[in-house]
Every structure is written in C-alpha cells, then in structure tokens.
C-alpha cells in the first residue's frame, strides 16, 4: 500500500536537526568553500560576463564637440545548472521504538545517520567537481625531488617552500583575472604537513609568547598565505561494501586548492564556484520526510537533497596535486 497524503509530510523538526548537524560537521567543506545560491527552479540559465571586456583600457582623449569613445561588454547566457535530487531512507520498526531505552532516541539518531550519509555524498561530489586535476586553468604536481616545469617540491619535505609557491599562484590568478584568491582548501594530510613545515614554523615562532611553542592553526596559516580562510577537508569514507572489513580513507586525498570564492552570491559577482540549491522543499535544498510504512510496521525517515555544485570560473582556481607524499 502506498502512504496517503495525510501520512506523508516534510518533518520540520527533524529537518532542523539535520541542517544543524550538517553545519556542525567541520570536517566537511562542501557547503563552506563556495557560496550557496538558493534557486526556485530545478534547472535554469545563469549569466557570465567576459572578463577581458571589463579589464581592457578603452578610454580615449576627446576633442571639443566630439563624441566620447564607445565601449560595451559581452554577456553569455548559455551556462546552465541542474539540481539533481539525491535521497536515502531508513526504516525504524515500531518494535524498536517501543523497546528503546530512555537514553536512546531512534528518530533523532536516524536523522543524524542519514545526514552523515548525505554529508559524505555531498563531499564526494565536491571533491570530484573541484578538488582534482583537469578542472582549473592551472594544475601543478608535487614531486619528491627535482621539480621541473609544472611541478613543485612536496610540502612534507624539510626544504619545501609552500608560502612563496602559494603566493606565486595567487599573483598569477590576480594578474589573469583581477581577483586575488581568498580561500585555501587543504586535504587533512597536507594540513598536517604544513603544521610541521620548517619555513612556516620559522615565520611564526618569534611571534609566540616568550618561551612558548610555535603553534600553528588555520588562522595563522591564513595569515601566512594571505587568504581570508584556510579550510581543511577531513571527512572520511568507508569504501568497503556492506559486510566487508571497513576501509576508511580521507575523501580529500593529498591536494590543495587556492581559489577566489565570493563572500556571498549575487549578480555580477564572480566566484570560482557556486552551489545551486533548489529550495522548493526547505532550507539549503535539504529536507527530512517522515511517513508510515504500515506493511512493514515501521516509520520511514527519508532525506532528500537537491543541488548542483558548479565550477563557474576555471581561471579563479589553482590546484596543487599530490602536495605531500
């Protein structure tokens, strides 16, 4: 039997729990690096401006009683987004609810369980869209020794110089776009290597309290790399099939992404990427549904999310592959 309309609804309290849980998971960066654009339609077009038109010097001296020089910019309305729908459910048997000890809350726990699954899925898609080679205008690859063109010495090496390398990448983006990168995204193992990098330790140790250790964190790294934020991808995934021995690994791999992310979405606001979230059902394009499955004598919780992680401007990103060994 199919549930009736009265049995099916978007559960606002559970959706609120799910969204709060999503926002509290600092190991995942998919909703923090680039702005989230709330959209009313599942698919639509958006506009991009030709950056070269905006940065060209076309002012001319004007003679008396003559027209000024004319100029125009081109607008491209062919790019599109499509918010795919992703969903997963968990059934909670009536007997489990009735027999649960007082310290257990099957509904809330199932909400958090489903949200965790959604976070992993979202992060995986984010990494595939942005945190890999072949996406940005410039990719460079870390090597253990003897770097040549398009390569750099991996940052776990004691002789590595990550600060001037990132600064050179930022200058390259600024020169080609007019925008200075403001976010550096690091895989967890890359972040760990930077914490112990001699160049970084030397730059901060004299600023510490006399006699105290030279402590490094994301705020200090942001200052050293001259960006607004350093985000660390520390989410993990079990890639083993159900019933097999768990195989956990970081979703991020060993990369680093330097990019410009708009502080907030808006018209004529460039950004390396945007996440389009279809909000027809609720905040951030994510909701929890609750409905009866009488044939199973269970309550079903279903998480649904609708979004599209879109790379907007490839020249506003610079990717460091295999930044550590």
C-alpha atoms as a PDB file:
ATOM      1  CA  UNK A   1       0.000   0.000   0.000  1.00  0.00           C
ATOM      2  CA  UNK A   2       1.151   3.493  -0.751  1.00  0.00           C
ATOM      3  CA  UNK A   3       1.019   6.028   2.087  1.00  0.00           C
ATOM      4  CA  UNK A   4      -1.779   8.541   1.875  1.00  0.00           C
ATOM      5  CA  UNK A   5      -1.237  12.271   1.611  1.00  0.00           C
ATOM      6  CA  UNK A   6      -2.003  12.616   5.307  1.00  0.00           C
ATOM      7  CA  UNK A   7       0.760  10.142   6.155  1.00  0.00           C
ATOM      8  CA  UNK A   8       3.471  11.944   4.223  1.00  0.00           C
ATOM      9  CA  UNK A   9       4.924  15.292   5.181  1.00  0.00           C
ATOM     10  CA  UNK A  10       8.160  17.175   5.460  1.00  0.00           C
ATOM     11  CA  UNK A  11       9.206  16.859   9.083  1.00  0.00           C
ATOM     12  CA  UNK A  12      10.335  20.331  10.077  1.00  0.00           C
ATOM     13  CA  UNK A  13      11.850  19.450  13.500  1.00  0.00           C
ATOM     14  CA  UNK A  14      13.882  16.597  12.042  1.00  0.00           C
ATOM     15  CA  UNK A  15      14.918  18.750   9.075  1.00  0.00           C
ATOM     16  CA  UNK A  16      16.154  21.383  11.533  1.00  0.00           C
ATOM     17  CA  UNK A  17      18.162  18.754  13.379  1.00  0.00           C
ATOM     18  CA  UNK A  18      19.631  17.557  10.088  1.00  0.00           C
ATOM     19  CA  UNK A  19      20.633  21.055   8.977  1.00  0.00           C
ATOM     20  CA  UNK A  20      22.168  21.849  12.364  1.00  0.00           C
ATOM     21  CA  UNK A  21      24.095  18.602  12.243  1.00  0.00           C
ATOM     22  CA  UNK A  22      25.251  19.376   8.709  1.00  0.00           C
ATOM     23  CA  UNK A  23      26.512  22.797   9.745  1.00  0.00           C
ATOM     24  CA  UNK A  24      28.324  21.434  12.810  1.00  0.00           C
ATOM     25  CA  UNK A  25      30.391  18.933  10.845  1.00  0.00           C
ATOM     26  CA  UNK A  26      33.566  20.956  10.413  1.00  0.00           C
ATOM     27  CA  UNK A  27      35.345  18.035   8.767  1.00  0.00           C
ATOM     28  CA  UNK A  28      33.287  18.615   5.619  1.00  0.00           C
ATOM     29  CA  UNK A  29      33.808  21.688   3.445  1.00  0.00           C
ATOM     30  CA  UNK A  30      31.326  21.259   0.577  1.00  0.00           C
ATOM     31  CA  UNK A  31      28.971  23.948   1.913  1.00  0.00           C
ATOM     32  CA  UNK A  32      31.658  26.290   3.237  1.00  0.00           C
ATOM     33  CA  UNK A  33      34.123  26.968   0.432  1.00  0.00           C
ATOM     34  CA  UNK A  34      31.790  28.429  -2.208  1.00  0.00           C
ATOM     35  CA  UNK A  35      28.552  30.374  -1.723  1.00  0.00           C
ATOM     36  CA  UNK A  36      25.245  28.508  -1.779  1.00  0.00           C
ATOM     37  CA  UNK A  37      22.753  30.026  -4.198  1.00  0.00           C
ATOM     38  CA  UNK A  38      19.115  29.381  -3.312  1.00  0.00           C
ATOM     39  CA  UNK A  39      17.122  28.827  -6.517  1.00  0.00           C
ATOM     40  CA  UNK A  40      13.395  28.418  -7.149  1.00  0.00           C
ATOM     41  CA  UNK A  41      13.785  26.252 -10.252  1.00  0.00           C
ATOM     42  CA  UNK A  42      15.436  22.850 -10.519  1.00  0.00           C
ATOM     43  CA  UNK A  43      17.246  23.972 -13.661  1.00  0.00           C
ATOM     44  CA  UNK A  44      17.843  27.305 -15.309  1.00  0.00           C
ATOM     45  CA  UNK A  45      20.412  29.505 -17.003  1.00  0.00           C
ATOM     46  CA  UNK A  46      22.788  31.957 -15.397  1.00  0.00           C
ATOM     47  CA  UNK A  47      24.875  34.768 -16.850  1.00  0.00           C
ATOM     48  CA  UNK A  48      28.620  35.153 -17.147  1.00  0.00           C
ATOM     49  CA  UNK A  49      30.474  38.284 -18.196  1.00  0.00           C
ATOM     50  CA  UNK A  50      33.523  38.408 -20.423  1.00  0.00           C
ATOM     51  CA  UNK A  51      36.281  39.417 -18.017  1.00  0.00           C
ATOM     52  CA  UNK A  52      38.509  40.684 -20.812  1.00  0.00           C
ATOM     53  CA  UNK A  53      35.911  43.294 -21.754  1.00  0.00           C
ATOM     54  CA  UNK A  54      35.885  44.640 -18.213  1.00  0.00           C
ATOM     55  CA  UNK A  55      39.670  44.872 -17.878  1.00  0.00           C
ATOM     56  CA  UNK A  56      40.500  46.487 -21.238  1.00  0.00           C
ATOM     57  CA  UNK A  57      41.627  50.149 -21.265  1.00  0.00           C
ATOM     58  CA  UNK A  58      39.493  51.892 -23.886  1.00  0.00           C
ATOM     59  CA  UNK A  59      39.434  55.465 -22.648  1.00  0.00           C
ATOM     60  CA  UNK A  60      40.460  57.979 -25.322  1.00  0.00           C
ATOM     61  CA  UNK A  61      41.165  61.647 -25.411  1.00  0.00           C
ATOM     62  CA  UNK A  62      38.156  63.562 -26.747  1.00  0.00           C
ATOM     63  CA  UNK A  63      38.378  66.631 -28.944  1.00  0.00           C
ATOM     64  CA  UNK A  64      35.959  69.508 -28.335  1.00  0.00           C
ATOM     65  CA  UNK A  65      32.416  68.943 -29.639  1.00  0.00           C
ATOM     66  CA  UNK A  66      33.014  65.275 -30.475  1.00  0.00           C
ATOM     67  CA  UNK A  67      31.513  62.096 -29.111  1.00  0.00           C
ATOM     68  CA  UNK A  68      33.315  60.072 -26.485  1.00  0.00           C
ATOM     69  CA  UNK A  69      34.754  56.684 -27.367  1.00  0.00           C
ATOM     70  CA  UNK A  70      32.208  53.891 -27.063  1.00  0.00           C
ATOM     71  CA  UNK A  71      32.555  50.575 -25.290  1.00  0.00           C
ATOM     72  CA  UNK A  72      30.470  47.510 -24.440  1.00  0.00           C
ATOM     73  CA  UNK A  73      30.773  44.180 -22.661  1.00  0.00           C
ATOM     74  CA  UNK A  74      29.611  40.747 -23.732  1.00  0.00           C
ATOM     75  CA  UNK A  75      27.167  38.640 -21.743  1.00  0.00           C
ATOM     76  CA  UNK A  76      26.877  34.862 -22.043  1.00  0.00           C
ATOM     77  CA  UNK A  77      23.571  33.288 -21.029  1.00  0.00           C
ATOM     78  CA  UNK A  78      24.323  29.747 -22.226  1.00  0.00           C
ATOM     79  CA  UNK A  79      25.666  28.278 -18.942  1.00  0.00           C
ATOM     80  CA  UNK A  80      23.095  26.244 -17.039  1.00  0.00           C
ATOM     81  CA  UNK A  81      22.693  24.452 -13.735  1.00  0.00           C
ATOM     82  CA  UNK A  82      20.623  21.389 -12.882  1.00  0.00           C
ATOM     83  CA  UNK A  83      19.905  20.477  -9.264  1.00  0.00           C
ATOM     84  CA  UNK A  84      19.912  16.713  -9.183  1.00  0.00           C
ATOM     85  CA  UNK A  85      17.891  15.041  -6.468  1.00  0.00           C
ATOM     86  CA  UNK A  86      19.643  12.643  -4.108  1.00  0.00           C
ATOM     87  CA  UNK A  87      17.788  10.639  -1.477  1.00  0.00           C
ATOM     88  CA  UNK A  88      18.212   7.867   1.099  1.00  0.00           C
ATOM     89  CA  UNK A  89      15.865   6.351   3.678  1.00  0.00           C
ATOM     90  CA  UNK A  90      15.960   4.313   6.855  1.00  0.00           C
ATOM     91  CA  UNK A  91      13.050   2.337   8.276  1.00  0.00           C
ATOM     92  CA  UNK A  92      12.511   2.351  12.045  1.00  0.00           C
ATOM     93  CA  UNK A  93      10.403  -0.650  13.178  1.00  0.00           C
ATOM     94  CA  UNK A  94       7.628   0.060  15.681  1.00  0.00           C
ATOM     95  CA  UNK A  95       9.068  -2.605  17.988  1.00  0.00           C
ATOM     96  CA  UNK A  96      12.407  -0.806  18.086  1.00  0.00           C
ATOM     97  CA  UNK A  97      10.745   2.468  19.077  1.00  0.00           C
ATOM     98  CA  UNK A  98       8.607   0.778  21.723  1.00  0.00           C
ATOM     99  CA  UNK A  99      11.536  -1.174  23.175  1.00  0.00           C
ATOM    100  CA  UNK A 100      14.158   1.597  23.092  1.00  0.00           C
ATOM    101  CA  UNK A 101      15.763   2.534  26.404  1.00  0.00           C
ATOM    102  CA  UNK A 102      15.168   6.031  27.676  1.00  0.00           C
ATOM    103  CA  UNK A 103      18.650   7.222  26.679  1.00  0.00           C
ATOM    104  CA  UNK A 104      18.026   6.237  23.063  1.00  0.00           C
ATOM    105  CA  UNK A 105      16.154   8.304  20.519  1.00  0.00           C
ATOM    106  CA  UNK A 106      15.722   6.265  17.323  1.00  0.00           C
ATOM    107  CA  UNK A 107      14.186   9.149  15.367  1.00  0.00           C
ATOM    108  CA  UNK A 108      16.944  11.632  16.148  1.00  0.00           C
ATOM    109  CA  UNK A 109      19.680   9.027  15.737  1.00  0.00           C
ATOM    110  CA  UNK A 110      18.285   8.016  12.355  1.00  0.00           C
ATOM    111  CA  UNK A 111      18.180  11.683  11.342  1.00  0.00           C
ATOM    112  CA  UNK A 112      21.843  12.071  12.211  1.00  0.00           C
ATOM    113  CA  UNK A 113      22.671   8.789  10.468  1.00  0.00           C
ATOM    114  CA  UNK A 114      21.022   9.904   7.235  1.00  0.00           C
ATOM    115  CA  UNK A 115      22.599  13.339   7.481  1.00  0.00           C
ATOM    116  CA  UNK A 116      26.039  11.762   7.841  1.00  0.00           C
ATOM    117  CA  UNK A 117      25.405   9.806   4.647  1.00  0.00           C
ATOM    118  CA  UNK A 118      24.306  12.996   2.871  1.00  0.00           C
ATOM    119  CA  UNK A 119      27.424  14.833   4.068  1.00  0.00           C
ATOM    120  CA  UNK A 120      29.708  12.120   2.723  1.00  0.00           C
ATOM    121  CA  UNK A 121      27.900  12.070  -0.611  1.00  0.00           C
ATOM    122  CA  UNK A 122      27.991  15.857  -0.912  1.00  0.00           C
ATOM    123  CA  UNK A 123      31.694  15.957  -0.060  1.00  0.00           C
ATOM    124  CA  UNK A 124      32.496  13.235  -2.590  1.00  0.00           C
ATOM    125  CA  UNK A 125      30.740  15.192  -5.330  1.00  0.00           C
ATOM    126  CA  UNK A 126      32.503  18.398  -4.251  1.00  0.00           C
ATOM    127  CA  UNK A 127      35.912  16.728  -4.435  1.00  0.00           C
ATOM    128  CA  UNK A 128      35.124  15.328  -7.896  1.00  0.00           C
ATOM    129  CA  UNK A 129      33.933  18.739  -9.134  1.00  0.00           C
ATOM    130  CA  UNK A 130      36.702  20.935  -7.730  1.00  0.00           C
ATOM    131  CA  UNK A 131      39.435  19.105  -5.822  1.00  0.00           C
ATOM    132  CA  UNK A 132      41.234  17.307  -8.626  1.00  0.00           C
ATOM    133  CA  UNK A 133      43.277  17.913 -11.742  1.00  0.00           C
ATOM    134  CA  UNK A 134      41.773  18.886 -15.070  1.00  0.00           C
ATOM    135  CA  UNK A 135      39.263  21.342 -13.603  1.00  0.00           C
ATOM    136  CA  UNK A 136      41.186  24.589 -13.200  1.00  0.00           C
ATOM    137  CA  UNK A 137      43.226  26.701 -15.583  1.00  0.00           C
ATOM    138  CA  UNK A 138      46.420  25.755 -13.751  1.00  0.00           C
ATOM    139  CA  UNK A 139      47.411  22.448 -12.160  1.00  0.00           C
ATOM    140  CA  UNK A 140      50.817  21.726 -10.685  1.00  0.00           C
ATOM    141  CA  UNK A 141      52.048  18.427  -9.278  1.00  0.00           C
ATOM    142  CA  UNK A 142      54.135  17.789  -6.200  1.00  0.00           C
ATOM    143  CA  UNK A 143      57.193  15.553  -6.548  1.00  0.00           C
ATOM    144  CA  UNK A 144      59.659  14.072  -4.073  1.00  0.00           C
ATOM    145  CA  UNK A 145      62.718  15.694  -5.684  1.00  0.00           C
ATOM    146  CA  UNK A 146      63.976  17.647  -8.692  1.00  0.00           C
ATOM    147  CA  UNK A 147      60.818  19.566  -9.631  1.00  0.00           C
ATOM    148  CA  UNK A 148      60.659  20.849 -13.202  1.00  0.00           C
ATOM    149  CA  UNK A 149      58.090  22.938 -15.084  1.00  0.00           C
ATOM    150  CA  UNK A 150      54.595  22.348 -13.718  1.00  0.00           C
ATOM    151  CA  UNK A 151      55.956  20.654 -10.594  1.00  0.00           C
ATOM    152  CA  UNK A 152      56.893  21.638  -7.054  1.00  0.00           C
ATOM    153  CA  UNK A 153      58.694  20.035  -4.130  1.00  0.00           C
ATOM    154  CA  UNK A 154      56.159  18.277  -1.920  1.00  0.00           C
ATOM    155  CA  UNK A 155      55.416  20.204   1.243  1.00  0.00           C
ATOM    156  CA  UNK A 156      56.317  17.379   3.630  1.00  0.00           C
ATOM    157  CA  UNK A 157      59.967  17.831   2.533  1.00  0.00           C
ATOM    158  CA  UNK A 158      62.003  19.903   5.003  1.00  0.00           C
ATOM    159  CA  UNK A 159      63.310  22.025   2.106  1.00  0.00           C
ATOM    160  CA  UNK A 160      59.865  22.789   0.676  1.00  0.00           C
ATOM    161  CA  UNK A 161      58.765  26.433   0.357  1.00  0.00           C
ATOM    162  CA  UNK A 162      54.944  26.389   0.307  1.00  0.00           C
ATOM    163  CA  UNK A 163      54.476  30.073   1.147  1.00  0.00           C
ATOM    164  CA  UNK A 164      56.229  31.554  -1.916  1.00  0.00           C
ATOM    165  CA  UNK A 165      54.643  28.857  -4.098  1.00  0.00           C
ATOM    166  CA  UNK A 166      51.142  29.748  -2.965  1.00  0.00           C
ATOM    167  CA  UNK A 167      51.951  33.453  -3.216  1.00  0.00           C
ATOM    168  CA  UNK A 168      53.134  32.990  -6.807  1.00  0.00           C
ATOM    169  CA  UNK A 169      49.914  31.113  -7.601  1.00  0.00           C
ATOM    170  CA  UNK A 170      47.844  33.929  -6.071  1.00  0.00           C
ATOM    171  CA  UNK A 171      49.730  36.530  -8.093  1.00  0.00           C
ATOM    172  CA  UNK A 172      49.172  34.505 -11.257  1.00  0.00           C
ATOM    173  CA  UNK A 173      45.408  34.423 -10.656  1.00  0.00           C
ATOM    174  CA  UNK A 174      45.332  38.129  -9.812  1.00  0.00           C
ATOM    175  CA  UNK A 175      47.238  39.044 -12.968  1.00  0.00           C
ATOM    176  CA  UNK A 176      44.978  37.000 -15.256  1.00  0.00           C
ATOM    177  CA  UNK A 177      41.617  37.824 -13.633  1.00  0.00           C
ATOM    178  CA  UNK A 178      41.899  40.922 -11.448  1.00  0.00           C
ATOM    179  CA  UNK A 179      40.791  38.915  -8.390  1.00  0.00           C
ATOM    180  CA  UNK A 180      43.065  37.905  -5.526  1.00  0.00           C
ATOM    181  CA  UNK A 181      42.358  34.373  -4.217  1.00  0.00           C
ATOM    182  CA  UNK A 182      40.884  34.401  -0.729  1.00  0.00           C
ATOM    183  CA  UNK A 183      40.475  30.716   0.199  1.00  0.00           C
ATOM    184  CA  UNK A 184      42.984  27.876   0.515  1.00  0.00           C
ATOM    185  CA  UNK A 185      41.486  24.383   0.823  1.00  0.00           C
ATOM    186  CA  UNK A 186      43.785  21.682   2.170  1.00  0.00           C
ATOM    187  CA  UNK A 187      43.483  17.933   2.408  1.00  0.00           C
ATOM    188  CA  UNK A 188      43.986  16.799   6.003  1.00  0.00           C
ATOM    189  CA  UNK A 189      47.380  15.212   5.330  1.00  0.00           C
ATOM    190  CA  UNK A 190      48.515  18.378   3.550  1.00  0.00           C
ATOM    191  CA  UNK A 191      47.402  20.448   6.530  1.00  0.00           C
ATOM    192  CA  UNK A 192      49.305  18.158   8.902  1.00  0.00           C
ATOM    193  CA  UNK A 193      52.477  18.513   6.814  1.00  0.00           C
ATOM    194  CA  UNK A 194      52.203  22.313   6.806  1.00  0.00           C
ATOM    195  CA  UNK A 195      51.954  22.369  10.597  1.00  0.00           C
ATOM    196  CA  UNK A 196      55.490  20.974  10.757  1.00  0.00           C
ATOM    197  CA  UNK A 197      56.974  22.717   7.734  1.00  0.00           C
ATOM    198  CA  UNK A 198      60.221  24.462   8.822  1.00  0.00           C
ATOM    199  CA  UNK A 199      59.529  27.559   6.727  1.00  0.00           C
ATOM    200  CA  UNK A 200      56.158  28.044   8.421  1.00  0.00           C
ATOM    201  CA  UNK A 201      57.460  27.313  11.907  1.00  0.00           C
ATOM    202  CA  UNK A 202      60.319  29.797  11.433  1.00  0.00           C
ATOM    203  CA  UNK A 203      57.929  32.566  10.347  1.00  0.00           C
ATOM    204  CA  UNK A 204      55.717  32.298  13.396  1.00  0.00           C
ATOM    205  CA  UNK A 205      57.944  31.171  16.250  1.00  0.00           C
ATOM    206  CA  UNK A 206      59.149  34.682  17.077  1.00  0.00           C
ATOM    207  CA  UNK A 207      55.591  35.897  17.345  1.00  0.00           C
ATOM    208  CA  UNK A 208      54.724  33.425  20.088  1.00  0.00           C
ATOM    209  CA  UNK A 209      54.829  34.145  23.803  1.00  0.00           C
ATOM    210  CA  UNK A 210      58.413  34.074  25.036  1.00  0.00           C
ATOM    211  CA  UNK A 211      59.396  30.530  25.845  1.00  0.00           C
ATOM    212  CA  UNK A 212      56.187  29.109  24.387  1.00  0.00           C
ATOM    213  CA  UNK A 213      55.842  26.721  21.478  1.00  0.00           C
ATOM    214  CA  UNK A 214      55.303  27.915  17.927  1.00  0.00           C
ATOM    215  CA  UNK A 215      51.720  26.738  17.478  1.00  0.00           C
ATOM    216  CA  UNK A 216      50.192  26.661  14.021  1.00  0.00           C
ATOM    217  CA  UNK A 217      46.469  26.583  13.208  1.00  0.00           C
ATOM    218  CA  UNK A 218      44.201  27.502  10.332  1.00  0.00           C
ATOM    219  CA  UNK A 219      44.031  31.161  11.379  1.00  0.00           C
ATOM    220  CA  UNK A 220      47.811  31.531  11.373  1.00  0.00           C
ATOM    221  CA  UNK A 221      48.082  29.674   8.082  1.00  0.00           C
ATOM    222  CA  UNK A 222      45.547  32.065   6.579  1.00  0.00           C
ATOM    223  CA  UNK A 223      47.699  34.998   7.640  1.00  0.00           C
ATOM    224  CA  UNK A 224      50.884  33.434   6.296  1.00  0.00           C
ATOM    225  CA  UNK A 225      49.291  32.540   2.958  1.00  0.00           C
ATOM    226  CA  UNK A 226      47.479  35.901   2.811  1.00  0.00           C
ATOM    227  CA  UNK A 227      43.977  34.476   2.377  1.00  0.00           C
ATOM    228  CA  UNK A 228      40.785  35.071   4.308  1.00  0.00           C
ATOM    229  CA  UNK A 229      40.227  31.422   5.131  1.00  0.00           C
ATOM    230  CA  UNK A 230      42.006  28.095   5.259  1.00  0.00           C
ATOM    231  CA  UNK A 231      39.586  25.174   5.061  1.00  0.00           C
ATOM    232  CA  UNK A 232      40.667  21.634   5.917  1.00  0.00           C
ATOM    233  CA  UNK A 233      38.963  18.658   4.285  1.00  0.00           C
ATOM    234  CA  UNK A 234      38.971  15.965   6.966  1.00  0.00           C
ATOM    235  CA  UNK A 235      35.848  13.972   6.107  1.00  0.00           C
ATOM    236  CA  UNK A 236      36.336  10.235   5.708  1.00  0.00           C
ATOM    237  CA  UNK A 237      34.586   7.493   3.776  1.00  0.00           C
ATOM    238  CA  UNK A 238      34.370   3.737   4.160  1.00  0.00           C
ATOM    239  CA  UNK A 239      34.848   2.404   0.640  1.00  0.00           C
ATOM    240  CA  UNK A 240      34.226  -1.237   1.569  1.00  0.00           C
ATOM    241  CA  UNK A 241      30.927  -2.907   0.722  1.00  0.00           C
ATOM    242  CA  UNK A 242      28.465  -3.742   3.496  1.00  0.00           C
ATOM    243  CA  UNK A 243      29.595  -6.821   5.401  1.00  0.00           C
ATOM    244  CA  UNK A 244      33.241  -6.407   4.372  1.00  0.00           C
ATOM    245  CA  UNK A 245      36.096  -5.148   6.527  1.00  0.00           C
ATOM    246  CA  UNK A 246      35.855  -1.364   6.735  1.00  0.00           C
ATOM    247  CA  UNK A 247      38.337   0.577   4.610  1.00  0.00           C
ATOM    248  CA  UNK A 248      38.402   4.190   5.729  1.00  0.00           C
ATOM    249  CA  UNK A 249      40.249   6.986   3.961  1.00  0.00           C
ATOM    250  CA  UNK A 250      40.082  10.755   3.633  1.00  0.00           C
ATOM    251  CA  UNK A 251      37.793  11.956   0.853  1.00  0.00           C
ATOM    252  CA  UNK A 252      40.189  14.789   0.019  1.00  0.00           C
ATOM    253  CA  UNK A 253      43.301  12.866  -0.933  1.00  0.00           C
ATOM    254  CA  UNK A 254      46.510  14.906  -0.800  1.00  0.00           C
ATOM    255  CA  UNK A 255      45.683  18.049  -2.748  1.00  0.00           C
ATOM    256  CA  UNK A 256      45.381  21.778  -2.115  1.00  0.00           C
ATOM    257  CA  UNK A 257      43.165  24.303  -3.894  1.00  0.00           C
ATOM    258  CA  UNK A 258      43.774  28.041  -3.961  1.00  0.00           C
ATOM    259  CA  UNK A 259      40.748  29.928  -5.259  1.00  0.00           C
ATOM    260  CA  UNK A 260      38.595  33.022  -5.141  1.00  0.00           C
ATOM    261  CA  UNK A 261      35.197  32.455  -3.542  1.00  0.00           C
ATOM    262  CA  UNK A 262      32.698  35.296  -3.485  1.00  0.00           C
ATOM    263  CA  UNK A 263      31.806  36.262   0.108  1.00  0.00           C
ATOM    264  CA  UNK A 264      28.154  35.938  -0.905  1.00  0.00           C
ATOM    265  CA  UNK A 265      26.341  35.155  -4.164  1.00  0.00           C
ATOM    266  CA  UNK A 266      24.982  37.967  -6.284  1.00  0.00           C
ATOM    267  CA  UNK A 267      24.543  39.423  -9.745  1.00  0.00           C
ATOM    268  CA  UNK A 268      27.804  40.365 -11.423  1.00  0.00           C
ATOM    269  CA  UNK A 269      29.646  38.604  -8.577  1.00  0.00           C
ATOM    270  CA  UNK A 270      32.346  36.265  -9.901  1.00  0.00           C
ATOM    271  CA  UNK A 271      33.368  33.177  -7.973  1.00  0.00           C
ATOM    272  CA  UNK A 272      35.388  30.092  -8.789  1.00  0.00           C
ATOM    273  CA  UNK A 273      32.354  28.022  -7.881  1.00  0.00           C
ATOM    274  CA  UNK A 274      28.754  28.177  -6.703  1.00  0.00           C
ATOM    275  CA  UNK A 275      26.450  25.563  -5.206  1.00  0.00           C
ATOM    276  CA  UNK A 276      22.926  25.926  -6.575  1.00  0.00           C
ATOM    277  CA  UNK A 277      20.428  24.586  -4.015  1.00  0.00           C
ATOM    278  CA  UNK A 278      16.828  24.003  -5.058  1.00  0.00           C
ATOM    279  CA  UNK A 279      14.841  25.191  -2.080  1.00  0.00           C
ATOM    280  CA  UNK A 280      11.362  24.042  -3.132  1.00  0.00           C
ATOM    281  CA  UNK A 281      11.175  21.820  -0.042  1.00  0.00           C
ATOM    282  CA  UNK A 282      13.156  23.708   2.553  1.00  0.00           C
ATOM    283  CA  UNK A 283      16.317  25.441   3.623  1.00  0.00           C
ATOM    284  CA  UNK A 284      19.577  24.587   1.810  1.00  0.00           C
ATOM    285  CA  UNK A 285      17.704  22.270  -0.540  1.00  0.00           C
ATOM    286  CA  UNK A 286      17.590  19.524   2.097  1.00  0.00           C
ATOM    287  CA  UNK A 287      14.631  18.053   3.966  1.00  0.00           C
ATOM    288  CA  UNK A 288      13.701  15.047   6.084  1.00  0.00           C
ATOM    289  CA  UNK A 289      10.436  13.259   5.333  1.00  0.00           C
ATOM    290  CA  UNK A 290       8.624  11.049   7.784  1.00  0.00           C
ATOM    291  CA  UNK A 291       5.869   8.642   6.772  1.00  0.00           C
ATOM    292  CA  UNK A 292       4.272   5.370   7.767  1.00  0.00           C
ATOM    293  CA  UNK A 293       5.103   2.043   6.164  1.00  0.00           C
ATOM    294  CA  UNK A 294       2.189   0.045   7.543  1.00  0.00           C
ATOM    295  CA  UNK A 295       3.073  -3.074   5.590  1.00  0.00           C
ATOM    296  CA  UNK A 296       6.435  -3.044   7.406  1.00  0.00           C
ATOM    297  CA  UNK A 297       5.057  -1.853  10.766  1.00  0.00           C
ATOM    298  CA  UNK A 298       7.651   0.867  10.650  1.00  0.00           C
ATOM    299  CA  UNK A 299       8.213   4.586  10.275  1.00  0.00           C
ATOM    300  CA  UNK A 300      10.353   5.627   7.359  1.00  0.00           C
ATOM    301  CA  UNK A 301      12.696   8.606   7.513  1.00  0.00           C
ATOM    302  CA  UNK A 302      13.920   9.824   4.149  1.00  0.00           C
ATOM    303  CA  UNK A 303      16.474  12.513   3.499  1.00  0.00           C
ATOM    304  CA  UNK A 304      16.265  14.405   0.228  1.00  0.00           C
ATOM    305  CA  UNK A 305      18.662  16.998  -1.099  1.00  0.00           C
ATOM    306  CA  UNK A 306      18.669  18.930  -4.385  1.00  0.00           C
ATOM    307  CA  UNK A 307      21.797  20.757  -5.528  1.00  0.00           C
ATOM    308  CA  UNK A 308      24.351  21.319  -8.270  1.00  0.00           C
ATOM    309  CA  UNK A 309      27.984  22.108  -7.467  1.00  0.00           C
ATOM    310  CA  UNK A 310      29.038  24.218 -10.417  1.00  0.00           C
ATOM    311  CA  UNK A 311      32.514  25.327 -11.429  1.00  0.00           C
ATOM    312  CA  UNK A 312      31.951  28.891 -12.626  1.00  0.00           C
ATOM    313  CA  UNK A 313      35.387  30.323 -13.452  1.00  0.00           C
ATOM    314  CA  UNK A 314      38.284  27.937 -14.060  1.00  0.00           C
ATOM    315  CA  UNK A 315      40.795  30.796 -14.048  1.00  0.00           C
ATOM    316  CA  UNK A 316      39.893  31.652 -10.440  1.00  0.00           C
ATOM    317  CA  UNK A 317      41.352  28.381  -9.151  1.00  0.00           C
ATOM    318  CA  UNK A 318      44.852  26.870  -8.915  1.00  0.00           C
ATOM    319  CA  UNK A 319      45.237  23.227  -7.905  1.00  0.00           C
ATOM    320  CA  UNK A 320      48.257  21.622  -6.206  1.00  0.00           C
ATOM    321  CA  UNK A 321      48.098  17.847  -6.816  1.00  0.00           C
ATOM    322  CA  UNK A 322      49.901  15.349  -4.537  1.00  0.00           C
ATOM    323  CA  UNK A 323      51.079  18.228  -2.364  1.00  0.00           C
ATOM    324  CA  UNK A 324      52.527  15.674   0.081  1.00  0.00           C
ATOM    325  CA  UNK A 325      53.964  12.207  -0.435  1.00  0.00           C
END
